[in-house]
């Protein structure tokens, strides 16, 4: 043909043109989607590297990133060392426990003077015994009602409202 002139009535040409336009639109859409995905991945990557997002929540695309590889190696080393640690369990001998209750009479020893505690007797000393608190000290800090009435200012409208109640 060799001309730049096309006929709008040429059905075959218009269908090829429509197909080409739709393919071009789809290609441009795919490019935009890929650039948005790349930008989002870069944003998430920066958030992970800044510490805003924890490394455990990093996207799988970052698995080959050097920071992730170093983190995996460190976690592996820490897990190995923790598995080797044996926490000693301390067994305290029973004779080191302090108990002020005498053992019940066995008949083997003479236990004169031992009196078992009554169930109502308290083992602990109350805290009030150690605190020297008196009501006189409290009165030093509290203002008498007469002085309070002299100092306090109540708006006349508030007084009227209180009287209405």
N, C-alpha and C. Protein backbone atom coordinates (compact mmCIF):
# COMPACT_ATOMS: atom_id res chain seq x y z
N UNK A 1 0.81 -1.16 0.00
CA UNK A 1 0.00 0.00 0.00
C UNK A 1 0.87 1.24 0.00
N UNK A 2 1.69 1.44 1.05
CA UNK A 2 2.66 2.51 1.02
C UNK A 2 2.11 3.88 1.33
N UNK A 3 0.90 3.99 1.77
CA UNK A 3 0.36 5.31 2.06
C UNK A 3 0.08 5.42 3.55
N UNK A 4 0.03 6.61 4.05
CA UNK A 4 -0.30 6.85 5.45
C UNK A 4 -1.79 7.10 5.64
N UNK A 5 -2.50 7.02 4.61
CA UNK A 5 -3.94 7.27 4.66
C UNK A 5 -4.63 5.94 4.87
N UNK A 6 -5.54 5.91 5.84
CA UNK A 6 -6.30 4.67 6.06
C UNK A 6 -7.77 5.00 6.00
N UNK A 7 -8.48 4.03 5.71
CA UNK A 7 -9.92 4.22 5.61
C UNK A 7 -10.56 3.76 6.91
N UNK A 8 -11.41 4.58 7.48
CA UNK A 8 -12.10 4.21 8.71
C UNK A 8 -13.10 3.10 8.46
N UNK A 9 -13.40 2.89 7.24
CA UNK A 9 -14.36 1.83 6.92
C UNK A 9 -13.67 0.50 6.71
N UNK A 10 -12.31 0.48 6.71
CA UNK A 10 -11.57 -0.78 6.53
C UNK A 10 -11.62 -1.55 7.86
N UNK A 11 -12.45 -2.55 7.90
CA UNK A 11 -12.70 -3.31 9.13
C UNK A 11 -11.47 -4.05 9.60
N UNK A 12 -10.75 -4.69 8.74
CA UNK A 12 -9.57 -5.47 9.11
C UNK A 12 -8.50 -4.57 9.72
N UNK A 13 -8.27 -3.42 9.12
CA UNK A 13 -7.27 -2.48 9.63
C UNK A 13 -7.67 -1.97 11.02
N UNK A 14 -8.93 -1.66 11.20
CA UNK A 14 -9.39 -1.13 12.48
C UNK A 14 -9.31 -2.18 13.59
N UNK A 15 -9.58 -3.44 13.27
CA UNK A 15 -9.46 -4.49 14.30
C UNK A 15 -8.01 -4.68 14.70
N UNK A 16 -7.06 -4.67 13.70
CA UNK A 16 -5.64 -4.78 14.03
C UNK A 16 -5.18 -3.58 14.86
N UNK A 17 -5.68 -2.40 14.53
CA UNK A 17 -5.33 -1.19 15.27
C UNK A 17 -5.85 -1.28 16.72
N UNK A 18 -7.06 -1.77 16.87
CA UNK A 18 -7.64 -1.91 18.21
C UNK A 18 -6.85 -2.92 19.03
N UNK A 19 -6.46 -4.03 18.42
CA UNK A 19 -5.67 -5.04 19.13
C UNK A 19 -4.32 -4.46 19.54
N UNK A 20 -3.68 -3.71 18.64
CA UNK A 20 -2.39 -3.10 18.93
C UNK A 20 -2.50 -2.06 20.05
N UNK A 21 -3.58 -1.29 20.06
CA UNK A 21 -3.80 -0.30 21.11
C UNK A 21 -4.00 -0.99 22.47
N UNK A 22 -4.79 -2.07 22.50
CA UNK A 22 -5.03 -2.80 23.75
C UNK A 22 -3.74 -3.45 24.26
N UNK A 23 -2.92 -4.01 23.35
CA UNK A 23 -1.65 -4.60 23.76
C UNK A 23 -0.71 -3.54 24.33
N UNK A 24 -0.68 -2.37 23.68
CA UNK A 24 0.16 -1.27 24.16
C UNK A 24 -0.31 -0.81 25.55
N UNK A 25 -1.62 -0.72 25.73
CA UNK A 25 -2.18 -0.32 27.02
C UNK A 25 -1.81 -1.35 28.10
N UNK A 26 -1.93 -2.64 27.76
CA UNK A 26 -1.59 -3.69 28.72
C UNK A 26 -0.11 -3.65 29.08
N UNK A 27 0.76 -3.41 28.09
CA UNK A 27 2.20 -3.31 28.36
C UNK A 27 2.51 -2.14 29.28
N UNK A 28 1.90 -0.98 29.00
CA UNK A 28 2.13 0.19 29.86
C UNK A 28 1.62 -0.07 31.28
N UNK A 29 0.47 -0.74 31.39
CA UNK A 29 -0.09 -1.06 32.71
C UNK A 29 0.85 -1.98 33.47
N UNK A 30 1.39 -3.01 32.79
CA UNK A 30 2.33 -3.93 33.44
C UNK A 30 3.58 -3.19 33.92
N UNK A 31 4.09 -2.27 33.08
CA UNK A 31 5.27 -1.49 33.48
C UNK A 31 4.98 -0.65 34.72
N UNK A 32 3.80 -0.01 34.76
CA UNK A 32 3.44 0.81 35.92
C UNK A 32 3.32 -0.04 37.18
N UNK A 33 2.71 -1.22 37.02
CA UNK A 33 2.55 -2.12 38.18
C UNK A 33 3.92 -2.56 38.69
N UNK A 34 4.81 -2.93 37.78
CA UNK A 34 6.15 -3.38 38.19
C UNK A 34 6.94 -2.27 38.87
N UNK A 35 6.82 -1.04 38.36
CA UNK A 35 7.55 0.06 39.01
C UNK A 35 6.97 0.35 40.39
N UNK A 36 5.63 0.25 40.54
CA UNK A 36 5.03 0.46 41.86
C UNK A 36 5.46 -0.63 42.83
N UNK A 37 5.50 -1.88 42.35
CA UNK A 37 5.94 -2.98 43.21
C UNK A 37 7.39 -2.78 43.63
N UNK A 38 8.23 -2.36 42.68
CA UNK A 38 9.64 -2.13 43.00
C UNK A 38 9.79 -0.99 44.01
N UNK A 39 9.02 0.09 43.84
CA UNK A 39 9.07 1.21 44.78
C UNK A 39 8.60 0.78 46.17
N UNK A 40 7.53 -0.02 46.22
CA UNK A 40 7.02 -0.49 47.51
C UNK A 40 8.03 -1.40 48.20
N UNK A 41 8.66 -2.29 47.42
CA UNK A 41 9.68 -3.17 47.99
C UNK A 41 10.85 -2.36 48.52
N UNK A 42 11.24 -1.33 47.81
CA UNK A 42 12.34 -0.46 48.26
C UNK A 42 11.95 0.28 49.54
N UNK A 43 10.68 0.72 49.60
CA UNK A 43 10.21 1.41 50.81
C UNK A 43 10.22 0.48 52.02
N UNK A 44 9.71 -0.74 51.83
CA UNK A 44 9.69 -1.71 52.93
C UNK A 44 11.11 -2.09 53.32
N UNK A 45 11.98 -2.21 52.34
CA UNK A 45 13.38 -2.54 52.60
C UNK A 45 14.03 -1.46 53.46
N UNK A 46 13.77 -0.20 53.13
CA UNK A 46 14.31 0.90 53.93
C UNK A 46 13.73 0.90 55.34
N UNK A 47 12.44 0.58 55.47
CA UNK A 47 11.84 0.51 56.80
C UNK A 47 12.46 -0.61 57.64
N UNK A 48 12.76 -1.73 56.99
CA UNK A 48 13.40 -2.84 57.71
C UNK A 48 14.81 -2.45 58.12
N UNK A 49 15.55 -1.83 57.21
CA UNK A 49 16.93 -1.46 57.51
C UNK A 49 17.01 -0.35 58.56
N UNK A 50 15.99 0.52 58.61
CA UNK A 50 15.96 1.57 59.63
C UNK A 50 15.52 1.03 60.99
N UNK A 51 14.92 -0.15 61.00
CA UNK A 51 14.46 -0.73 62.26
C UNK A 51 13.01 -0.46 62.57
N UNK A 52 12.29 0.19 61.67
CA UNK A 52 10.88 0.46 61.90
C UNK A 52 10.08 -0.84 61.84
N UNK A 53 10.43 -1.70 60.91
CA UNK A 53 9.81 -3.02 60.79
C UNK A 53 10.83 -4.04 61.27
N UNK A 54 10.43 -4.99 62.14
CA UNK A 54 11.39 -5.99 62.61
C UNK A 54 11.86 -6.90 61.47
N UNK A 55 13.05 -7.45 61.65
CA UNK A 55 13.62 -8.32 60.61
C UNK A 55 12.76 -9.55 60.37
N UNK A 56 12.08 -10.02 61.41
CA UNK A 56 11.26 -11.22 61.24
C UNK A 56 10.04 -10.96 60.34
N UNK A 57 9.65 -9.70 60.17
CA UNK A 57 8.51 -9.36 59.32
C UNK A 57 8.94 -8.84 57.95
N UNK A 58 10.21 -9.01 57.62
CA UNK A 58 10.71 -8.55 56.32
C UNK A 58 10.10 -9.40 55.21
N UNK A 59 9.88 -8.82 54.03
CA UNK A 59 9.31 -9.59 52.93
C UNK A 59 10.28 -10.67 52.45
N UNK A 60 9.76 -11.74 51.86
CA UNK A 60 10.63 -12.83 51.40
C UNK A 60 11.58 -12.41 50.28
N UNK A 61 11.27 -11.32 49.59
CA UNK A 61 12.17 -10.85 48.53
C UNK A 61 13.50 -10.37 49.09
N UNK A 62 13.52 -10.06 50.40
CA UNK A 62 14.75 -9.57 51.03
C UNK A 62 15.61 -10.70 51.59
N UNK A 63 15.25 -11.94 51.30
CA UNK A 63 15.97 -13.07 51.89
C UNK A 63 17.44 -13.09 51.48
N UNK A 64 17.77 -12.58 50.30
CA UNK A 64 19.15 -12.58 49.83
C UNK A 64 19.91 -11.32 50.23
N UNK A 65 19.26 -10.42 50.95
CA UNK A 65 19.92 -9.18 51.37
C UNK A 65 20.99 -9.51 52.42
N UNK A 66 22.15 -8.85 52.37
CA UNK A 66 23.23 -9.15 53.32
C UNK A 66 22.82 -9.02 54.79
N UNK A 67 21.98 -8.06 55.10
CA UNK A 67 21.55 -7.90 56.49
C UNK A 67 20.75 -9.13 56.94
N UNK A 68 19.90 -9.63 56.07
CA UNK A 68 19.11 -10.81 56.41
C UNK A 68 19.99 -12.04 56.55
N UNK A 69 20.99 -12.17 55.68
CA UNK A 69 21.90 -13.31 55.77
C UNK A 69 22.69 -13.26 57.07
N UNK A 70 23.18 -12.07 57.43
CA UNK A 70 23.94 -11.94 58.68
C UNK A 70 23.03 -12.23 59.88
N UNK A 71 21.79 -11.76 59.82
CA UNK A 71 20.84 -12.03 60.90
C UNK A 71 20.59 -13.53 61.04
N UNK A 72 20.43 -14.23 59.92
CA UNK A 72 20.20 -15.67 59.97
C UNK A 72 21.40 -16.40 60.56
N UNK A 73 22.62 -15.99 60.16
CA UNK A 73 23.83 -16.62 60.70
C UNK A 73 23.93 -16.37 62.20
N UNK A 74 23.67 -15.13 62.62
CA UNK A 74 23.74 -14.79 64.05
C UNK A 74 22.70 -15.58 64.85
N UNK A 75 21.48 -15.67 64.33
CA UNK A 75 20.44 -16.44 65.03
C UNK A 75 20.83 -17.90 65.16
N UNK A 76 21.47 -18.44 64.12
CA UNK A 76 21.91 -19.84 64.16
C UNK A 76 22.98 -20.02 65.23
N UNK A 77 23.96 -19.09 65.28
CA UNK A 77 25.02 -19.18 66.29
C UNK A 77 24.45 -19.04 67.70
N UNK A 78 23.52 -18.12 67.87
CA UNK A 78 22.91 -17.92 69.19
C UNK A 78 22.15 -19.17 69.61
N UNK A 79 21.42 -19.78 68.68
CA UNK A 79 20.67 -20.99 69.00
C UNK A 79 21.61 -22.13 69.39
N UNK A 80 22.73 -22.26 68.67
CA UNK A 80 23.70 -23.30 69.00
C UNK A 80 24.28 -23.09 70.40
N UNK A 81 24.65 -21.84 70.70
CA UNK A 81 25.25 -21.56 72.01
C UNK A 81 24.22 -21.72 73.13
N UNK A 82 22.99 -21.34 72.87
CA UNK A 82 21.97 -21.52 73.90
C UNK A 82 21.68 -22.99 74.16
N UNK A 83 21.76 -23.80 73.11
CA UNK A 83 21.52 -25.23 73.31
C UNK A 83 22.63 -25.87 74.12
N UNK A 84 23.83 -25.30 74.08
CA UNK A 84 24.95 -25.85 74.85
C UNK A 84 24.93 -25.42 76.31
N UNK A 85 24.23 -24.35 76.60
CA UNK A 85 24.19 -23.84 77.98
C UNK A 85 23.36 -24.78 78.84
N UNK A 86 23.94 -25.17 79.95
CA UNK A 86 23.21 -25.98 80.92
C UNK A 86 23.02 -25.13 82.16
N UNK A 87 21.79 -24.93 82.51
CA UNK A 87 21.49 -24.12 83.69
C UNK A 87 21.55 -25.04 84.91
N UNK A 88 22.47 -24.75 85.82
CA UNK A 88 22.58 -25.61 87.00
C UNK A 88 21.39 -25.39 87.93
N UNK A 89 20.86 -26.49 88.41
CA UNK A 89 19.78 -26.39 89.38
C UNK A 89 20.40 -26.48 90.76
N UNK A 90 20.12 -25.50 91.56
CA UNK A 90 20.70 -25.44 92.89
C UNK A 90 19.81 -26.19 93.85
N UNK A 91 20.39 -27.14 94.54
CA UNK A 91 19.65 -27.89 95.54
C UNK A 91 20.12 -27.41 96.90
N UNK A 92 19.23 -26.76 97.61
CA UNK A 92 19.56 -26.26 98.93
C UNK A 92 19.28 -27.37 99.94
N UNK A 93 20.28 -27.71 100.75
CA UNK A 93 20.05 -28.76 101.75
C UNK A 93 18.98 -28.32 102.75
N UNK A 94 18.25 -29.29 103.23
CA UNK A 94 17.13 -28.97 104.12
C UNK A 94 17.60 -28.38 105.44
N UNK A 95 18.82 -28.70 105.86
CA UNK A 95 19.27 -28.15 107.14
C UNK A 95 19.58 -26.66 107.05
N UNK A 96 19.65 -26.10 105.83
CA UNK A 96 19.89 -24.67 105.69
C UNK A 96 18.60 -23.84 105.73
N UNK A 97 17.45 -24.50 105.64
CA UNK A 97 16.19 -23.78 105.75
C UNK A 97 15.99 -23.33 107.19
N UNK A 98 15.60 -22.10 107.37
CA UNK A 98 15.38 -21.59 108.71
C UNK A 98 13.93 -21.79 109.08
N UNK A 99 13.74 -22.44 110.16
CA UNK A 99 12.39 -22.67 110.64
C UNK A 99 12.41 -22.51 112.15
N UNK A 100 11.62 -21.58 112.65
CA UNK A 100 11.65 -21.34 114.09
C UNK A 100 10.65 -22.22 114.84
N UNK A 101 9.97 -23.08 114.13
CA UNK A 101 9.06 -24.01 114.79
C UNK A 101 9.85 -25.25 115.18
N UNK A 102 9.86 -25.60 116.44
CA UNK A 102 10.62 -26.79 116.84
C UNK A 102 9.96 -28.06 116.31
N UNK A 103 10.77 -29.05 116.12
CA UNK A 103 10.26 -30.34 115.65
C UNK A 103 9.38 -30.96 116.72
N UNK A 104 8.38 -31.72 116.32
CA UNK A 104 7.55 -32.38 117.34
C UNK A 104 8.38 -33.38 118.16
N UNK A 105 7.91 -33.61 119.31
CA UNK A 105 8.66 -34.46 120.24
C UNK A 105 8.77 -35.87 119.70
N UNK A 106 9.99 -36.34 119.66
CA UNK A 106 10.20 -37.68 119.12
C UNK A 106 10.44 -38.70 120.21
N UNK A 107 10.74 -38.23 121.39
CA UNK A 107 11.00 -39.16 122.48
C UNK A 107 12.47 -39.51 122.58
N UNK A 108 13.24 -39.16 121.58
CA UNK A 108 14.66 -39.48 121.60
C UNK A 108 15.48 -38.42 122.33
N UNK A 109 14.98 -37.20 122.35
CA UNK A 109 15.72 -36.11 122.99
C UNK A 109 14.85 -35.44 124.03
N UNK A 110 15.50 -34.74 124.92
CA UNK A 110 14.77 -33.99 125.93
C UNK A 110 14.48 -32.61 125.36
N UNK A 111 13.22 -32.26 125.31
CA UNK A 111 12.84 -30.98 124.71
C UNK A 111 12.07 -30.17 125.74
N UNK A 112 12.70 -29.83 126.79
CA UNK A 112 12.04 -29.03 127.81
C UNK A 112 12.04 -27.57 127.39
N UNK A 113 11.01 -26.90 127.72
CA UNK A 113 10.94 -25.47 127.45
C UNK A 113 10.41 -25.13 126.07
N UNK A 114 10.28 -26.08 125.18
CA UNK A 114 9.73 -25.80 123.85
C UNK A 114 8.22 -25.77 123.92
N UNK A 115 7.66 -24.71 123.38
CA UNK A 115 6.21 -24.59 123.33
C UNK A 115 5.84 -24.32 121.88
N UNK A 116 4.94 -25.12 121.37
CA UNK A 116 4.52 -24.91 119.99
C UNK A 116 3.66 -23.67 119.89
N UNK A 117 3.76 -23.03 118.76
CA UNK A 117 3.02 -21.81 118.49
C UNK A 117 1.53 -22.13 118.34
N UNK A 118 0.71 -21.24 118.84
CA UNK A 118 -0.73 -21.42 118.64
C UNK A 118 -1.06 -21.02 117.19
N UNK A 119 -2.10 -21.58 116.62
CA UNK A 119 -2.42 -21.25 115.22
C UNK A 119 -2.79 -19.79 115.01
N UNK A 120 -3.24 -19.10 116.06
CA UNK A 120 -3.63 -17.70 115.92
C UNK A 120 -2.44 -16.76 116.01
N UNK A 121 -1.32 -17.24 116.47
CA UNK A 121 -0.16 -16.38 116.66
C UNK A 121 0.44 -16.00 115.31
N UNK A 122 0.76 -14.71 115.15
CA UNK A 122 1.31 -14.23 113.89
C UNK A 122 2.82 -14.43 113.87
N UNK A 123 3.33 -14.82 112.69
CA UNK A 123 4.77 -14.96 112.53
C UNK A 123 5.42 -13.63 112.18
N UNK A 124 4.72 -12.82 111.41
CA UNK A 124 5.28 -11.56 110.94
C UNK A 124 4.92 -10.43 111.89
N UNK A 125 5.77 -9.44 111.92
CA UNK A 125 5.52 -8.25 112.72
C UNK A 125 4.87 -7.22 111.80
N UNK A 126 3.81 -6.59 112.27
CA UNK A 126 3.09 -5.65 111.42
C UNK A 126 3.94 -4.42 111.15
N UNK A 127 3.67 -3.80 110.01
CA UNK A 127 4.47 -2.63 109.60
C UNK A 127 4.16 -1.41 110.45
N UNK A 128 2.98 -1.37 111.06
CA UNK A 128 2.62 -0.22 111.89
C UNK A 128 3.57 -0.06 113.06
N UNK A 129 4.17 -1.15 113.48
CA UNK A 129 5.10 -1.08 114.61
C UNK A 129 6.32 -0.25 114.23
N UNK A 130 6.74 -0.32 112.98
CA UNK A 130 7.93 0.39 112.54
C UNK A 130 7.63 1.82 112.10
N UNK A 131 6.43 2.09 111.70
CA UNK A 131 6.06 3.43 111.26
C UNK A 131 5.58 4.23 112.45
N UNK A 132 6.20 5.33 112.69
CA UNK A 132 5.80 6.19 113.80
C UNK A 132 4.83 7.24 113.26
N UNK A 133 3.62 6.82 113.08
CA UNK A 133 2.61 7.68 112.49
C UNK A 133 1.63 8.08 113.57
N UNK A 134 1.40 9.37 113.65
CA UNK A 134 0.41 9.86 114.60
C UNK A 134 -0.55 10.78 113.87
N UNK A 135 -1.73 10.93 114.44
CA UNK A 135 -2.72 11.80 113.82
C UNK A 135 -2.33 13.26 113.98
N UNK A 136 -1.53 13.58 114.98
CA UNK A 136 -1.09 14.96 115.18
C UNK A 136 -0.27 15.45 113.99
N UNK A 137 0.56 14.58 113.44
CA UNK A 137 1.36 14.96 112.27
C UNK A 137 0.46 15.25 111.08
N UNK A 138 -0.60 14.50 110.97
CA UNK A 138 -1.52 14.72 109.86
C UNK A 138 -2.23 16.06 110.00
N UNK A 139 -2.54 16.44 111.23
CA UNK A 139 -3.23 17.70 111.46
C UNK A 139 -2.36 18.90 111.12
N UNK A 140 -1.05 18.75 111.15
CA UNK A 140 -0.15 19.84 110.80
C UNK A 140 -0.33 20.25 109.34
N UNK A 141 -0.64 19.29 108.49
CA UNK A 141 -0.71 19.54 107.06
C UNK A 141 -2.12 19.89 106.58
N UNK A 142 -3.10 19.68 107.41
CA UNK A 142 -4.47 19.96 107.01
C UNK A 142 -4.87 21.34 107.52
N UNK A 143 -5.46 22.13 106.64
CA UNK A 143 -5.88 23.49 106.98
C UNK A 143 -7.22 23.42 107.73
N UNK A 144 -7.35 24.19 108.80
CA UNK A 144 -8.64 24.20 109.52
C UNK A 144 -9.76 24.73 108.61
N UNK A 145 -10.96 24.29 108.89
CA UNK A 145 -12.10 24.64 108.06
C UNK A 145 -12.36 26.15 108.04
N UNK A 146 -12.11 26.85 109.15
CA UNK A 146 -12.35 28.30 109.21
C UNK A 146 -11.43 29.03 108.24
N UNK A 147 -10.14 28.66 108.24
CA UNK A 147 -9.19 29.30 107.33
C UNK A 147 -9.54 28.98 105.87
N UNK A 148 -9.96 27.76 105.65
CA UNK A 148 -10.33 27.35 104.30
C UNK A 148 -11.51 28.18 103.80
N UNK A 149 -12.48 28.40 104.68
CA UNK A 149 -13.65 29.20 104.29
C UNK A 149 -13.28 30.64 104.00
N UNK A 150 -12.27 31.19 104.69
CA UNK A 150 -11.82 32.56 104.44
C UNK A 150 -11.11 32.68 103.09
N UNK A 151 -10.33 31.67 102.76
CA UNK A 151 -9.48 31.73 101.57
C UNK A 151 -10.25 31.40 100.29
N UNK A 152 -11.14 30.45 100.37
CA UNK A 152 -11.77 29.93 99.15
C UNK A 152 -12.69 30.99 98.53
N UNK A 153 -12.65 31.04 97.21
CA UNK A 153 -13.52 31.94 96.46
C UNK A 153 -14.42 31.10 95.58
N UNK A 154 -15.70 31.31 95.73
CA UNK A 154 -16.67 30.61 94.88
C UNK A 154 -17.44 31.67 94.11
N UNK A 155 -17.51 31.48 92.85
CA UNK A 155 -18.22 32.39 91.96
C UNK A 155 -19.69 32.48 92.41
N UNK A 156 -20.26 33.68 92.41
CA UNK A 156 -21.67 33.81 92.84
C UNK A 156 -22.63 32.95 92.03
N UNK A 157 -22.33 32.77 90.75
CA UNK A 157 -23.21 31.91 89.93
C UNK A 157 -23.13 30.46 90.39
N UNK A 158 -21.94 30.04 90.78
CA UNK A 158 -21.78 28.67 91.27
C UNK A 158 -22.51 28.52 92.60
N UNK A 159 -22.41 29.55 93.47
CA UNK A 159 -23.13 29.50 94.75
C UNK A 159 -24.63 29.37 94.51
N UNK A 160 -25.12 30.14 93.55
CA UNK A 160 -26.55 30.09 93.23
C UNK A 160 -26.94 28.71 92.71
N UNK A 161 -26.06 28.13 91.90
CA UNK A 161 -26.32 26.78 91.37
C UNK A 161 -26.33 25.75 92.50
N UNK A 162 -25.41 25.88 93.45
CA UNK A 162 -25.37 24.94 94.57
C UNK A 162 -26.61 25.08 95.44
N UNK A 163 -27.08 26.32 95.60
CA UNK A 163 -28.30 26.53 96.39
C UNK A 163 -29.51 25.93 95.70
N UNK A 164 -29.52 25.95 94.38
CA UNK A 164 -30.65 25.39 93.63
C UNK A 164 -30.74 23.88 93.80
N UNK A 165 -29.61 23.26 93.95
CA UNK A 165 -29.62 21.80 94.09
C UNK A 165 -30.26 21.43 95.40
